[in-house]
Amino acid sequence: MRCRKWFAELSFSFCSLYARVAKKPFAVEKAAVMPYRAQFEQWVPVLLEKAFPFFADPNNLPRIMPAWLDVRIEEATIVPPPESPSSGFAGSGSRLVASYRVVPFLPLRIHSEAQIVAFAINEFFEDIQGKGPFRRWHHRHEFAAETRNAIAGTRLRDQIEYEIGFEPLGAIVNAFFIAPQMRRTFAYRQQAVERLLVGA
């Protein structure tokens, strides 16, 4: 008697639980998009008034990138900032389309559109990706006058935040390809900046 009563109660509980679950449709949750961040910093014994104009002119971008990337400015819509000392400064609203090689010596090129969204002379400028290989890209270039060992110079800081998408595959691609290539690119870039600015 007790066994039948216990079995009846267990069956009723199971049916009630099944009924509650059945009312809720099953859904596949989308994988969260993971933002990645990178920061690079460099000090050069060059006055801020000389360093900033060099970077604010997009024509100098191919000069500081590795030769194997073969970076080219394909299109440029320059909007000089108000009270700019140079018409070559790419202020807010400027649009640049650059292409580069992914693998050395292969003809395949990736095109990326950068839009300048913020600009302050001798302080910073920011660009985001309009079209390109990343799900999202935000690059802030910061500049500050800084004296080291009684030598006046400029501290350059690049802060990058980007999203790849396709997680968790994106995390693997970032760890083994994108992040290492970014470190190599900025290592070369810093050497090129030293050569072009300090040696000039």
N, C-alpha and C. Protein backbone atom coordinates (compact mmCIF):
# COMPACT_ATOMS: atom_id res chain seq x y z
N MET A 1 0.83 -1.20 0.00
CA MET A 1 0.00 0.00 0.00
C MET A 1 0.86 1.25 0.00
N ARG A 2 1.82 1.25 0.91
CA ARG A 2 2.72 2.41 0.99
C ARG A 2 3.53 2.56 -0.31
N CYS A 3 3.94 1.44 -0.88
CA CYS A 3 4.73 1.49 -2.12
C CYS A 3 3.92 2.10 -3.25
N ARG A 4 2.62 1.72 -3.33
CA ARG A 4 1.80 2.27 -4.40
C ARG A 4 1.58 3.76 -4.20
N LYS A 5 1.41 4.19 -2.94
CA LYS A 5 1.22 5.61 -2.66
C LYS A 5 2.48 6.40 -3.01
N TRP A 6 3.65 5.86 -2.63
CA TRP A 6 4.94 6.53 -2.93
C TRP A 6 5.16 6.64 -4.43
N PHE A 7 4.81 5.57 -5.17
CA PHE A 7 4.99 5.57 -6.62
C PHE A 7 4.05 6.57 -7.28
N ALA A 8 2.83 6.70 -6.76
CA ALA A 8 1.86 7.64 -7.32
C ALA A 8 2.34 9.07 -7.12
N GLU A 9 2.87 9.37 -5.91
CA GLU A 9 3.37 10.71 -5.64
C GLU A 9 4.57 11.03 -6.52
N LEU A 10 5.46 10.05 -6.71
CA LEU A 10 6.64 10.26 -7.55
C LEU A 10 6.22 10.50 -9.00
N SER A 11 5.23 9.75 -9.49
CA SER A 11 4.76 9.91 -10.86
C SER A 11 4.14 11.27 -11.07
N PHE A 12 3.36 11.74 -10.07
CA PHE A 12 2.71 13.05 -10.17
C PHE A 12 3.76 14.16 -10.20
N SER A 13 4.81 14.05 -9.35
CA SER A 13 5.87 15.07 -9.32
C SER A 13 6.61 15.13 -10.65
N PHE A 14 6.90 13.98 -11.23
CA PHE A 14 7.60 13.92 -12.51
C PHE A 14 6.76 14.55 -13.63
N CYS A 15 5.47 14.23 -13.62
CA CYS A 15 4.59 14.77 -14.66
C CYS A 15 4.46 16.28 -14.54
N SER A 16 4.39 16.78 -13.30
CA SER A 16 4.29 18.22 -13.09
C SER A 16 5.54 18.93 -13.58
N LEU A 17 6.71 18.33 -13.26
CA LEU A 17 7.97 18.92 -13.70
C LEU A 17 8.06 18.91 -15.22
N TYR A 18 7.65 17.83 -15.85
CA TYR A 18 7.69 17.72 -17.32
C TYR A 18 6.78 18.77 -17.96
N ALA A 19 5.62 18.98 -17.34
CA ALA A 19 4.66 19.95 -17.90
C ALA A 19 5.23 21.36 -17.85
N ARG A 20 5.94 21.70 -16.75
CA ARG A 20 6.51 23.04 -16.63
C ARG A 20 7.63 23.24 -17.64
N VAL A 21 8.47 22.23 -17.83
CA VAL A 21 9.57 22.33 -18.77
C VAL A 21 9.06 22.39 -20.20
N ALA A 22 8.03 21.62 -20.50
CA ALA A 22 7.52 21.55 -21.86
C ALA A 22 6.96 22.88 -22.33
N LYS A 23 6.52 23.73 -21.37
CA LYS A 23 5.96 25.03 -21.72
C LYS A 23 7.04 25.99 -22.22
N LYS A 24 8.30 25.77 -21.87
CA LYS A 24 9.38 26.66 -22.23
C LYS A 24 10.15 26.09 -23.43
N PRO A 25 10.15 26.79 -24.55
CA PRO A 25 10.88 26.28 -25.73
C PRO A 25 12.37 26.31 -25.48
N PHE A 26 13.04 25.33 -26.04
CA PHE A 26 14.49 25.28 -25.91
C PHE A 26 15.12 26.30 -26.84
N ALA A 27 16.17 27.01 -26.38
CA ALA A 27 16.84 28.04 -27.18
C ALA A 27 18.34 27.83 -27.10
N VAL A 28 19.01 28.08 -28.21
CA VAL A 28 20.47 27.99 -28.24
C VAL A 28 21.03 29.38 -28.01
N GLU A 29 21.76 29.57 -26.93
CA GLU A 29 22.32 30.87 -26.61
C GLU A 29 23.50 31.18 -27.52
N LYS A 30 23.55 32.44 -27.99
CA LYS A 30 24.66 32.87 -28.83
C LYS A 30 25.90 33.05 -27.97
N ALA A 31 27.03 32.65 -28.49
CA ALA A 31 28.28 32.80 -27.75
C ALA A 31 28.60 34.28 -27.59
N ALA A 32 29.04 34.67 -26.42
CA ALA A 32 29.38 36.06 -26.15
C ALA A 32 30.58 36.47 -27.00
N VAL A 33 30.52 37.70 -27.51
CA VAL A 33 31.62 38.23 -28.28
C VAL A 33 32.67 38.77 -27.32
N MET A 34 33.89 38.30 -27.47
CA MET A 34 34.94 38.67 -26.53
C MET A 34 35.77 39.83 -27.08
N PRO A 35 35.86 40.94 -26.32
CA PRO A 35 36.73 42.03 -26.76
C PRO A 35 38.18 41.75 -26.36
N TYR A 36 39.10 42.04 -27.25
CA TYR A 36 40.52 41.89 -26.95
C TYR A 36 41.15 43.27 -26.87
N ARG A 37 42.17 43.40 -26.05
CA ARG A 37 42.82 44.70 -25.84
C ARG A 37 44.32 44.55 -25.96
N ALA A 38 44.93 45.59 -26.50
CA ALA A 38 46.39 45.63 -26.61
C ALA A 38 46.84 47.07 -26.39
N GLN A 39 48.00 47.21 -25.76
CA GLN A 39 48.56 48.54 -25.53
C GLN A 39 50.05 48.52 -25.82
N PHE A 40 50.52 49.55 -26.52
CA PHE A 40 51.93 49.69 -26.85
C PHE A 40 52.36 51.11 -26.51
N GLU A 41 53.56 51.22 -25.97
CA GLU A 41 54.04 52.53 -25.54
C GLU A 41 55.49 52.72 -25.96
N GLN A 42 55.82 53.95 -26.30
CA GLN A 42 57.17 54.26 -26.76
C GLN A 42 57.48 55.71 -26.41
N TRP A 43 58.72 55.96 -26.05
CA TRP A 43 59.18 57.33 -25.83
C TRP A 43 60.24 57.66 -26.86
N VAL A 44 60.12 58.84 -27.46
CA VAL A 44 61.11 59.27 -28.45
C VAL A 44 61.64 60.65 -28.05
N PRO A 45 62.94 60.87 -28.23
CA PRO A 45 63.52 62.18 -27.88
C PRO A 45 63.24 63.23 -28.96
N VAL A 46 61.94 63.43 -29.20
CA VAL A 46 61.49 64.38 -30.22
C VAL A 46 60.38 65.22 -29.61
N LEU A 47 60.39 66.51 -29.86
CA LEU A 47 59.37 67.38 -29.30
C LEU A 47 57.97 66.99 -29.79
N LEU A 48 57.00 67.19 -28.92
CA LEU A 48 55.61 66.85 -29.24
C LEU A 48 55.15 67.55 -30.51
N GLU A 49 55.57 68.79 -30.70
CA GLU A 49 55.15 69.56 -31.87
C GLU A 49 55.70 68.99 -33.18
N LYS A 50 56.68 68.13 -33.09
CA LYS A 50 57.21 67.46 -34.27
C LYS A 50 56.64 66.05 -34.41
N ALA A 51 56.43 65.37 -33.30
CA ALA A 51 55.96 63.99 -33.33
C ALA A 51 54.50 63.90 -33.76
N PHE A 52 53.66 64.76 -33.20
CA PHE A 52 52.22 64.65 -33.50
C PHE A 52 51.91 64.84 -34.99
N PRO A 53 52.45 65.88 -35.64
CA PRO A 53 52.15 66.05 -37.08
C PRO A 53 52.55 64.86 -37.93
N PHE A 54 53.60 64.16 -37.53
CA PHE A 54 54.03 62.99 -38.30
C PHE A 54 52.93 61.93 -38.32
N PHE A 55 52.33 61.67 -37.15
CA PHE A 55 51.31 60.63 -37.07
C PHE A 55 49.96 61.11 -37.58
N ALA A 56 49.70 62.40 -37.50
CA ALA A 56 48.41 62.94 -37.95
C ALA A 56 48.29 62.96 -39.47
N ASP A 57 49.40 62.77 -40.16
CA ASP A 57 49.41 62.73 -41.62
C ASP A 57 49.34 61.27 -42.06
N PRO A 58 48.22 60.81 -42.62
CA PRO A 58 48.07 59.39 -42.97
C PRO A 58 49.05 58.91 -44.04
N ASN A 59 49.66 59.83 -44.78
CA ASN A 59 50.64 59.42 -45.79
C ASN A 59 51.87 58.77 -45.17
N ASN A 60 52.07 58.98 -43.87
CA ASN A 60 53.23 58.38 -43.20
C ASN A 60 52.96 56.96 -42.71
N LEU A 61 51.70 56.52 -42.77
CA LEU A 61 51.38 55.17 -42.27
C LEU A 61 52.17 54.08 -42.98
N PRO A 62 52.22 54.04 -44.33
CA PRO A 62 52.99 52.97 -44.98
C PRO A 62 54.47 53.01 -44.63
N ARG A 63 54.99 54.16 -44.24
CA ARG A 63 56.42 54.29 -43.94
C ARG A 63 56.82 53.61 -42.63
N ILE A 64 55.85 53.42 -41.74
CA ILE A 64 56.18 52.83 -40.43
C ILE A 64 55.67 51.39 -40.30
N MET A 65 55.12 50.84 -41.38
CA MET A 65 54.63 49.47 -41.34
C MET A 65 55.64 48.54 -41.98
N PRO A 66 55.67 47.26 -41.57
CA PRO A 66 56.63 46.30 -42.15
C PRO A 66 56.49 46.20 -43.66
N ALA A 67 57.63 46.09 -44.34
CA ALA A 67 57.62 46.05 -45.81
C ALA A 67 56.81 44.87 -46.34
N TRP A 68 56.83 43.72 -45.63
CA TRP A 68 56.15 42.54 -46.16
C TRP A 68 54.62 42.71 -46.16
N LEU A 69 54.10 43.65 -45.34
CA LEU A 69 52.66 43.92 -45.36
C LEU A 69 52.27 44.72 -46.60
N ASP A 70 53.24 45.47 -47.15
CA ASP A 70 53.01 46.27 -48.36
C ASP A 70 51.74 47.12 -48.22
N VAL A 71 51.69 47.92 -47.16
CA VAL A 71 50.51 48.75 -46.88
C VAL A 71 50.40 49.86 -47.92
N ARG A 72 49.18 50.03 -48.44
CA ARG A 72 48.92 51.09 -49.41
C ARG A 72 47.67 51.87 -49.00
N ILE A 73 47.70 53.18 -49.13
CA ILE A 73 46.51 53.99 -48.95
C ILE A 73 45.78 54.03 -50.29
N GLU A 74 44.65 53.36 -50.37
CA GLU A 74 43.92 53.25 -51.64
C GLU A 74 43.00 54.46 -51.85
N GLU A 75 42.37 54.92 -50.78
CA GLU A 75 41.48 56.07 -50.85
C GLU A 75 41.66 56.90 -49.59
N ALA A 76 41.47 58.20 -49.72
CA ALA A 76 41.59 59.08 -48.56
C ALA A 76 40.68 60.29 -48.72
N THR A 77 39.81 60.47 -47.76
CA THR A 77 38.98 61.67 -47.69
C THR A 77 39.41 62.41 -46.42
N ILE A 78 40.17 63.47 -46.60
CA ILE A 78 40.76 64.17 -45.46
C ILE A 78 39.88 65.36 -45.06
N VAL A 79 39.56 65.40 -43.78
CA VAL A 79 38.82 66.53 -43.21
C VAL A 79 39.74 67.19 -42.18
N PRO A 80 40.42 68.26 -42.54
CA PRO A 80 41.34 68.91 -41.60
C PRO A 80 40.58 69.43 -40.38
N PRO A 81 41.13 69.25 -39.19
CA PRO A 81 40.46 69.77 -37.99
C PRO A 81 40.48 71.29 -37.97
N PRO A 82 39.54 71.91 -37.28
CA PRO A 82 39.53 73.37 -37.18
C PRO A 82 40.84 73.90 -36.57
N GLU A 83 41.30 75.01 -37.07
CA GLU A 83 42.52 75.66 -36.59
C GLU A 83 43.74 74.74 -36.72
N SER A 84 43.71 73.84 -37.71
CA SER A 84 44.84 72.96 -37.92
C SER A 84 45.98 73.69 -38.62
N PRO A 85 47.22 73.46 -38.17
CA PRO A 85 48.35 74.10 -38.84
C PRO A 85 48.70 73.45 -40.18
N SER A 86 48.06 72.32 -40.48
CA SER A 86 48.35 71.61 -41.73
C SER A 86 47.07 71.06 -42.33
N SER A 87 46.93 71.18 -43.64
CA SER A 87 45.77 70.64 -44.32
C SER A 87 45.87 69.13 -44.49
N GLY A 88 47.04 68.57 -44.15
CA GLY A 88 47.24 67.13 -44.27
C GLY A 88 46.81 66.35 -43.05
N PHE A 89 46.43 67.04 -41.96
CA PHE A 89 45.98 66.36 -40.76
C PHE A 89 44.61 65.71 -41.02
N ALA A 90 44.47 64.44 -40.66
CA ALA A 90 43.21 63.73 -40.83
C ALA A 90 42.39 63.89 -39.55
N GLY A 91 41.52 64.90 -39.53
CA GLY A 91 40.69 65.15 -38.36
C GLY A 91 39.43 64.33 -38.34
N SER A 92 38.56 64.62 -37.38
CA SER A 92 37.30 63.88 -37.27
C SER A 92 36.50 63.97 -38.55
N GLY A 93 35.97 62.85 -38.99
CA GLY A 93 35.22 62.79 -40.23
C GLY A 93 36.05 62.31 -41.40
N SER A 94 37.37 62.21 -41.22
CA SER A 94 38.22 61.71 -42.29
C SER A 94 37.97 60.21 -42.50
N ARG A 95 38.19 59.77 -43.71
CA ARG A 95 37.98 58.35 -44.06
C ARG A 95 39.16 57.87 -44.89
N LEU A 96 39.74 56.75 -44.47
CA LEU A 96 40.91 56.19 -45.15
C LEU A 96 40.65 54.72 -45.48
N VAL A 97 40.98 54.34 -46.69
CA VAL A 97 40.90 52.93 -47.08
C VAL A 97 42.31 52.46 -47.39
N ALA A 98 42.77 51.48 -46.63
CA ALA A 98 44.12 50.94 -46.82
C ALA A 98 44.02 49.47 -47.19
N SER A 99 45.01 48.98 -47.90
CA SER A 99 45.08 47.55 -48.21
C SER A 99 46.45 47.04 -47.79
N TYR A 100 46.50 45.76 -47.46
CA TYR A 100 47.76 45.15 -47.04
C TYR A 100 47.71 43.65 -47.30
N ARG A 101 48.90 43.05 -47.33
CA ARG A 101 49.00 41.62 -47.55
C ARG A 101 48.88 40.87 -46.23
N VAL A 102 48.20 39.75 -46.27
CA VAL A 102 48.09 38.90 -45.08
C VAL A 102 49.29 37.97 -45.00
N VAL A 103 49.68 37.43 -46.13
CA VAL A 103 50.82 36.51 -46.21
C VAL A 103 51.84 37.10 -47.17
N PRO A 104 53.12 37.16 -46.76
CA PRO A 104 54.14 37.73 -47.65
C PRO A 104 54.21 37.02 -49.00
N PHE A 105 54.43 37.81 -50.05
CA PHE A 105 54.66 37.31 -51.41
C PHE A 105 53.42 36.73 -52.09
N LEU A 106 52.28 36.72 -51.40
CA LEU A 106 51.06 36.26 -52.04
C LEU A 106 50.23 37.47 -52.47
N PRO A 107 49.51 37.37 -53.59
CA PRO A 107 48.79 38.53 -54.10
C PRO A 107 47.55 38.91 -53.30
N LEU A 108 47.08 38.02 -52.41
CA LEU A 108 45.87 38.30 -51.65
C LEU A 108 46.07 39.53 -50.76
N ARG A 109 45.14 40.50 -50.88
CA ARG A 109 45.21 41.72 -50.09
C ARG A 109 43.89 41.93 -49.34
N ILE A 110 43.99 42.44 -48.13
CA ILE A 110 42.81 42.77 -47.33
C ILE A 110 42.63 44.29 -47.35
N HIS A 111 41.39 44.72 -47.53
CA HIS A 111 41.07 46.14 -47.50
C HIS A 111 40.40 46.49 -46.18
N SER A 112 40.78 47.60 -45.62
CA SER A 112 40.22 48.04 -44.35
C SER A 112 39.93 49.53 -44.40
N GLU A 113 38.74 49.90 -43.98
CA GLU A 113 38.34 51.31 -43.96
C GLU A 113 38.41 51.85 -42.54
N ALA A 114 39.17 52.92 -42.35
CA ALA A 114 39.29 53.56 -41.04
C ALA A 114 38.58 54.90 -41.07
N GLN A 115 37.84 55.18 -40.00
CA GLN A 115 37.16 56.45 -39.86
C GLN A 115 37.68 57.15 -38.62
N ILE A 116 38.12 58.39 -38.78
CA ILE A 116 38.60 59.17 -37.63
C ILE A 116 37.38 59.74 -36.91
N VAL A 117 37.24 59.39 -35.64
CA VAL A 117 36.04 59.79 -34.89
C VAL A 117 36.34 60.81 -33.80
N ALA A 118 37.60 61.03 -33.48
CA ALA A 118 37.96 62.02 -32.45
C ALA A 118 39.37 62.52 -32.74
N PHE A 119 39.60 63.82 -32.47
CA PHE A 119 40.89 64.41 -32.80
C PHE A 119 41.12 65.64 -31.92
N ALA A 120 42.27 65.69 -31.28
CA ALA A 120 42.69 66.86 -30.51
C ALA A 120 44.17 67.08 -30.79
N ILE A 121 44.50 68.24 -31.35
CA ILE A 121 45.87 68.51 -31.76
C ILE A 121 46.84 68.39 -30.59
N ASN A 122 47.92 67.65 -30.84
CA ASN A 122 48.99 67.41 -29.86
C ASN A 122 48.53 66.61 -28.64
N GLU A 123 47.38 65.97 -28.74
CA GLU A 123 46.89 65.16 -27.62
C GLU A 123 46.55 63.72 -28.04
N PHE A 124 45.63 63.58 -28.99
CA PHE A 124 45.21 62.23 -29.38
C PHE A 124 44.39 62.30 -30.66
N PHE A 125 44.20 61.13 -31.26
CA PHE A 125 43.16 60.93 -32.25
C PHE A 125 42.73 59.47 -32.19
N GLU A 126 41.50 59.22 -32.64
CA GLU A 126 40.93 57.88 -32.55
C GLU A 126 40.35 57.46 -33.89
N ASP A 127 40.52 56.20 -34.22
CA ASP A 127 39.92 55.68 -35.44
C ASP A 127 39.18 54.38 -35.14
N ILE A 128 38.12 54.16 -35.89
CA ILE A 128 37.37 52.92 -35.80
C ILE A 128 37.31 52.29 -37.19
N GLN A 129 37.03 51.01 -37.23
CA GLN A 129 36.90 50.32 -38.51
C GLN A 129 35.49 50.51 -39.05
N GLY A 130 35.40 51.04 -40.29
CA GLY A 130 34.12 51.12 -40.95
C GLY A 130 33.80 49.80 -41.63
N LYS A 131 34.76 49.32 -42.44
CA LYS A 131 34.67 48.02 -43.09
C LYS A 131 36.03 47.35 -42.97
N GLY A 132 36.04 46.04 -42.81
CA GLY A 132 37.32 45.36 -42.70
C GLY A 132 37.20 43.98 -42.10
N PRO A 133 38.33 43.41 -41.72
CA PRO A 133 38.34 42.01 -41.27
C PRO A 133 37.83 41.79 -39.85
N PHE A 134 37.75 42.84 -39.04
CA PHE A 134 37.34 42.67 -37.65
C PHE A 134 35.85 42.93 -37.47
N ARG A 135 35.31 42.32 -36.45
CA ARG A 135 33.92 42.60 -36.09
C ARG A 135 33.81 44.02 -35.55
N ARG A 136 34.81 44.42 -34.79
CA ARG A 136 34.88 45.79 -34.27
C ARG A 136 36.34 46.14 -34.02
N TRP A 137 36.70 47.41 -34.25
CA TRP A 137 38.08 47.88 -34.05
C TRP A 137 38.05 49.32 -33.58
N HIS A 138 38.77 49.61 -32.50
CA HIS A 138 38.89 50.98 -31.99
C HIS A 138 40.34 51.20 -31.59
N HIS A 139 40.96 52.23 -32.16
CA HIS A 139 42.38 52.50 -31.93
C HIS A 139 42.53 53.95 -31.48
N ARG A 140 43.03 54.13 -30.29
CA ARG A 140 43.28 55.47 -29.74
C ARG A 140 44.78 55.71 -29.71
N HIS A 141 45.22 56.79 -30.38
CA HIS A 141 46.62 57.19 -30.42
C HIS A 141 46.80 58.36 -29.46
N GLU A 142 47.63 58.20 -28.43
CA GLU A 142 47.81 59.25 -27.45
C GLU A 142 49.24 59.80 -27.50
N PHE A 143 49.36 61.11 -27.24
CA PHE A 143 50.65 61.80 -27.30
C PHE A 143 50.77 62.71 -26.08
N ALA A 144 51.96 62.74 -25.48
CA ALA A 144 52.18 63.60 -24.31
C ALA A 144 53.65 63.99 -24.25
N ALA A 145 53.88 65.26 -23.98
CA ALA A 145 55.25 65.72 -23.80
C ALA A 145 55.81 65.12 -22.52
N GLU A 146 57.02 64.59 -22.58
CA GLU A 146 57.62 63.96 -21.40
C GLU A 146 59.14 64.09 -21.47
N THR A 147 59.73 64.53 -20.38
CA THR A 147 61.18 64.70 -20.30
C THR A 147 61.79 63.53 -19.54
N ARG A 148 62.80 62.93 -20.12
CA ARG A 148 63.51 61.83 -19.47
C ARG A 148 65.01 62.11 -19.52
N ASN A 149 65.62 61.99 -18.36
CA ASN A 149 67.07 62.25 -18.25
C ASN A 149 67.43 63.61 -18.84
N ALA A 150 66.60 64.59 -18.50
CA ALA A 150 66.81 65.98 -18.92
C ALA A 150 66.69 66.17 -20.43
N ILE A 151 66.09 65.19 -21.12
CA ILE A 151 65.89 65.29 -22.57
C ILE A 151 64.39 65.40 -22.84
N ALA A 152 64.01 66.47 -23.52
CA ALA A 152 62.59 66.67 -23.85
C ALA A 152 62.19 65.71 -24.97
N GLY A 153 61.05 65.07 -24.78
CA GLY A 153 60.59 64.12 -25.78
C GLY A 153 59.09 63.95 -25.75
N THR A 154 58.63 62.87 -26.39
CA THR A 154 57.19 62.60 -26.50
C THR A 154 56.92 61.14 -26.17
N ARG A 155 55.90 60.94 -25.35
CA ARG A 155 55.46 59.57 -25.06
C ARG A 155 54.32 59.24 -26.01
N LEU A 156 54.48 58.15 -26.73
CA LEU A 156 53.47 57.67 -27.68
C LEU A 156 52.79 56.44 -27.08
N ARG A 157 51.49 56.45 -27.09
CA ARG A 157 50.76 55.29 -26.54
C ARG A 157 49.63 54.92 -27.49
N ASP A 158 49.56 53.64 -27.81
CA ASP A 158 48.50 53.11 -28.65
C ASP A 158 47.65 52.17 -27.83
N GLN A 159 46.36 52.46 -27.76
CA GLN A 159 45.41 51.61 -27.05
C GLN A 159 44.41 51.06 -28.07
N ILE A 160 44.36 49.74 -28.16
CA ILE A 160 43.54 49.09 -29.18
C ILE A 160 42.56 48.14 -28.51
N GLU A 161 41.32 48.22 -28.94
CA GLU A 161 40.30 47.27 -28.51
C GLU A 161 39.61 46.73 -29.76
N TYR A 162 39.49 45.42 -29.86
CA TYR A 162 38.92 44.83 -31.07
C TYR A 162 38.15 43.56 -30.74
N GLU A 163 37.27 43.21 -31.65
CA GLU A 163 36.49 41.98 -31.55
C GLU A 163 36.64 41.21 -32.85
N ILE A 164 36.76 39.90 -32.73
CA ILE A 164 36.93 39.05 -33.89
C ILE A 164 35.63 38.35 -34.25
N GLY A 165 34.89 37.91 -33.24
CA GLY A 165 33.68 37.13 -33.47
C GLY A 165 34.01 35.66 -33.64
N PHE A 166 33.00 34.86 -33.94
CA PHE A 166 33.16 33.42 -34.15
C PHE A 166 33.80 32.72 -32.95
N GLU A 167 33.43 33.18 -31.73
CA GLU A 167 33.97 32.52 -30.55
C GLU A 167 33.39 31.12 -30.42
N PRO A 168 34.15 30.14 -29.88
CA PRO A 168 35.50 30.29 -29.31
C PRO A 168 36.63 30.20 -30.35
N LEU A 169 36.28 30.03 -31.63
CA LEU A 169 37.32 29.96 -32.65
C LEU A 169 38.12 31.27 -32.70
N GLY A 170 37.44 32.39 -32.47
CA GLY A 170 38.12 33.68 -32.49
C GLY A 170 39.25 33.78 -31.50
N ALA A 171 39.07 33.15 -30.33
CA ALA A 171 40.12 33.19 -29.30
C ALA A 171 41.37 32.45 -29.77
N ILE A 172 41.17 31.37 -30.52
CA ILE A 172 42.31 30.60 -31.04
C ILE A 172 43.02 31.40 -32.13
N VAL A 173 42.24 32.01 -33.02
CA VAL A 173 42.83 32.82 -34.08
C VAL A 173 43.61 33.99 -33.49
N ASN A 174 43.06 34.59 -32.45
CA ASN A 174 43.75 35.73 -31.82
C ASN A 174 45.06 35.29 -31.17
N ALA A 175 45.02 34.19 -30.44
CA ALA A 175 46.20 33.74 -29.69
C ALA A 175 47.34 33.32 -30.61
N PHE A 176 47.00 32.68 -31.74
CA PHE A 176 48.07 32.12 -32.58
C PHE A 176 48.39 32.95 -33.82
N PHE A 177 47.55 33.94 -34.14
CA PHE A 177 47.82 34.70 -35.36
C PHE A 177 47.75 36.21 -35.14
N ILE A 178 46.60 36.72 -34.73
CA ILE A 178 46.40 38.17 -34.68
C ILE A 178 47.27 38.84 -33.62
N ALA A 179 47.22 38.37 -32.38
CA ALA A 179 48.01 39.00 -31.32
C ALA A 179 49.52 38.95 -31.58
N PRO A 180 50.08 37.79 -31.97
CA PRO A 180 51.52 37.76 -32.29
C PRO A 180 51.90 38.68 -33.44
N GLN A 181 51.04 38.72 -34.48
CA GLN A 181 51.35 39.59 -35.62
C GLN A 181 51.29 41.06 -35.21
N MET A 182 50.35 41.39 -34.33
CA MET A 182 50.25 42.77 -33.87
C MET A 182 51.49 43.18 -33.08
N ARG A 183 51.99 42.27 -32.26
CA ARG A 183 53.22 42.58 -31.49
C ARG A 183 54.41 42.76 -32.43
N ARG A 184 54.51 41.91 -33.45
CA ARG A 184 55.61 42.05 -34.41
C ARG A 184 55.50 43.36 -35.19
N THR A 185 54.27 43.69 -35.57
CA THR A 185 54.06 44.91 -36.34
C THR A 185 54.44 46.15 -35.54
N PHE A 186 54.05 46.19 -34.27
CA PHE A 186 54.37 47.37 -33.45
C PHE A 186 55.85 47.41 -33.07
N ALA A 187 56.48 46.25 -32.96
CA ALA A 187 57.92 46.24 -32.70
C ALA A 187 58.65 46.87 -33.89
N TYR A 188 58.23 46.51 -35.10
CA TYR A 188 58.82 47.11 -36.29
C TYR A 188 58.48 48.60 -36.36
N ARG A 189 57.25 48.91 -36.08
CA ARG A 189 56.77 50.30 -36.14
C ARG A 189 57.57 51.20 -35.21
N GLN A 190 57.86 50.73 -34.01
CA GLN A 190 58.62 51.55 -33.07
C GLN A 190 60.04 51.80 -33.56
N GLN A 191 60.64 50.80 -34.17
CA GLN A 191 61.97 50.99 -34.74
C GLN A 191 61.93 51.99 -35.91
N ALA A 192 60.89 51.89 -36.73
CA ALA A 192 60.75 52.81 -37.87
C ALA A 192 60.54 54.24 -37.39
N VAL A 193 59.75 54.41 -36.34
CA VAL A 193 59.52 55.74 -35.80
C VAL A 193 60.82 56.35 -35.28
N GLU A 194 61.60 55.55 -34.60
CA GLU A 194 62.91 56.02 -34.11
C GLU A 194 63.76 56.48 -35.29
N ARG A 195 63.79 55.67 -36.34
CA ARG A 195 64.62 55.97 -37.48
C ARG A 195 64.16 57.23 -38.21
N LEU A 196 62.86 57.37 -38.40
CA LEU A 196 62.33 58.47 -39.20
C LEU A 196 62.24 59.78 -38.44
N LEU A 197 61.91 59.71 -37.15
CA LEU A 197 61.76 60.93 -36.38
C LEU A 197 63.05 61.39 -35.73
N VAL A 198 63.74 60.47 -35.08
CA VAL A 198 64.97 60.84 -34.37
C VAL A 198 66.09 61.10 -35.36
N GLY A 199 66.14 60.30 -36.43
CA GLY A 199 67.21 60.46 -37.40
C GLY A 199 67.00 61.61 -38.37
N ALA A 200 65.78 62.16 -38.36
CA ALA A 200 65.47 63.25 -39.32
C ALA A 200 66.15 64.55 -38.92
